Protein backbone atom coordinates (compact mmCIF):
# COMPACT_ATOMS: atom_id res chain seq x y z
CA UNK A 1 9.39 77.27 -26.51
CA UNK A 2 6.44 76.98 -24.05
CA UNK A 3 3.10 77.97 -25.31
CA UNK A 4 1.74 81.23 -23.90
CA UNK A 5 -1.96 81.25 -23.92
CA UNK A 6 -3.86 84.17 -22.21
CA UNK A 7 -7.51 85.22 -22.12
CA UNK A 8 -8.06 88.85 -21.56
CA UNK A 9 -11.41 89.66 -19.90
CA UNK A 10 -13.21 92.13 -17.61
CA UNK A 11 -15.76 91.67 -14.84
CA UNK A 12 -19.46 91.37 -15.72
CA UNK A 13 -18.83 90.32 -19.27
CA UNK A 14 -21.15 87.46 -20.37
CA UNK A 15 -19.04 86.78 -23.47
CA UNK A 16 -15.95 86.50 -21.10
CA UNK A 17 -17.77 83.73 -19.22
CA UNK A 18 -18.45 81.84 -22.51
CA UNK A 19 -14.82 82.41 -23.50
CA UNK A 20 -13.62 80.96 -20.11
CA UNK A 21 -15.56 77.79 -20.70
CA UNK A 22 -14.24 77.52 -24.27
CA UNK A 23 -10.60 78.00 -22.96
CA UNK A 24 -11.18 75.22 -20.38
CA UNK A 25 -12.23 72.91 -23.19
CA UNK A 26 -9.33 73.82 -25.43
CA UNK A 27 -6.78 73.54 -22.53
CA UNK A 28 -8.24 70.14 -21.74
CA UNK A 29 -8.17 68.90 -25.30
CA UNK A 30 -4.71 69.92 -26.03
CA UNK A 31 -3.20 69.67 -22.67
CA UNK A 32 -2.02 73.25 -22.24
CA UNK A 33 -2.34 75.83 -19.43
CA UNK A 34 -3.79 79.25 -19.95
CA UNK A 35 -3.90 82.42 -17.93
CA UNK A 36 -6.62 85.11 -17.56
CA UNK A 37 -6.09 88.79 -17.12
CA UNK A 38 -8.54 91.52 -16.44
CA UNK A 39 -7.91 94.28 -18.84
CA UNK A 40 -9.34 96.89 -16.48
CA UNK A 41 -6.28 96.31 -14.13
CA UNK A 42 -3.76 97.52 -16.67
CA UNK A 43 -4.21 100.81 -18.57
CA UNK A 44 -2.24 99.64 -21.57
CA UNK A 45 -4.25 96.45 -21.89
CA UNK A 46 -7.41 98.38 -21.44
CA UNK A 47 -6.49 100.86 -24.13
CA UNK A 48 -5.36 98.17 -26.62
CA UNK A 49 -8.06 95.50 -26.06
CA UNK A 50 -10.78 97.06 -23.98
CA UNK A 51 -13.42 97.27 -26.72
CA UNK A 52 -12.83 93.67 -27.99
CA UNK A 53 -12.90 91.60 -24.86
CA UNK A 54 -12.72 88.70 -24.52
CA UNK A 55 -9.39 88.47 -26.34
CA UNK A 56 -7.31 85.30 -26.76
CA UNK A 57 -3.53 85.94 -27.09
CA UNK A 58 -1.44 83.10 -28.39
CA UNK A 59 2.37 83.63 -27.89
CA UNK A 60 1.52 87.38 -27.18
CA UNK A 61 -0.30 87.80 -30.56
CA UNK A 62 -3.96 88.40 -30.75
CA UNK A 63 -5.60 85.18 -31.95
CA UNK A 64 -9.35 86.03 -31.58
CA UNK A 65 -11.67 88.35 -29.91
CA UNK A 66 -15.36 88.37 -28.83
CA UNK A 67 -15.65 84.55 -29.43
CA UNK A 68 -13.11 81.77 -28.99
CA UNK A 69 -12.78 79.90 -32.24
CA UNK A 70 -12.01 76.65 -30.55
CA UNK A 71 -11.28 74.55 -33.59
CA UNK A 72 -8.83 77.06 -35.03
CA UNK A 73 -7.17 77.54 -31.58
CA UNK A 74 -6.69 73.78 -31.11
CA UNK A 75 -5.16 73.55 -34.60
CA UNK A 76 -2.86 76.47 -33.96
CA UNK A 77 -1.85 74.76 -30.70
CA UNK A 78 -0.87 71.64 -32.67
CA UNK A 79 -3.85 69.55 -31.49
């Protein structure tokens, strides 16, 4: 099964920029792609995750929020 890795963000979020950089490092280290989605473009995502962005979803399950735990994410990706 392909790995689904998503970063939920919103505009003008300084933690989201830090999370993007962390996701780039993780993606490079493990060789996986990831996607980004703005929670403010989807009412359900905004309701569920809006107060915790940035949020990392791994295979559709919340892995972390506010900060990307790079070491844990790499380990969970099998790296």
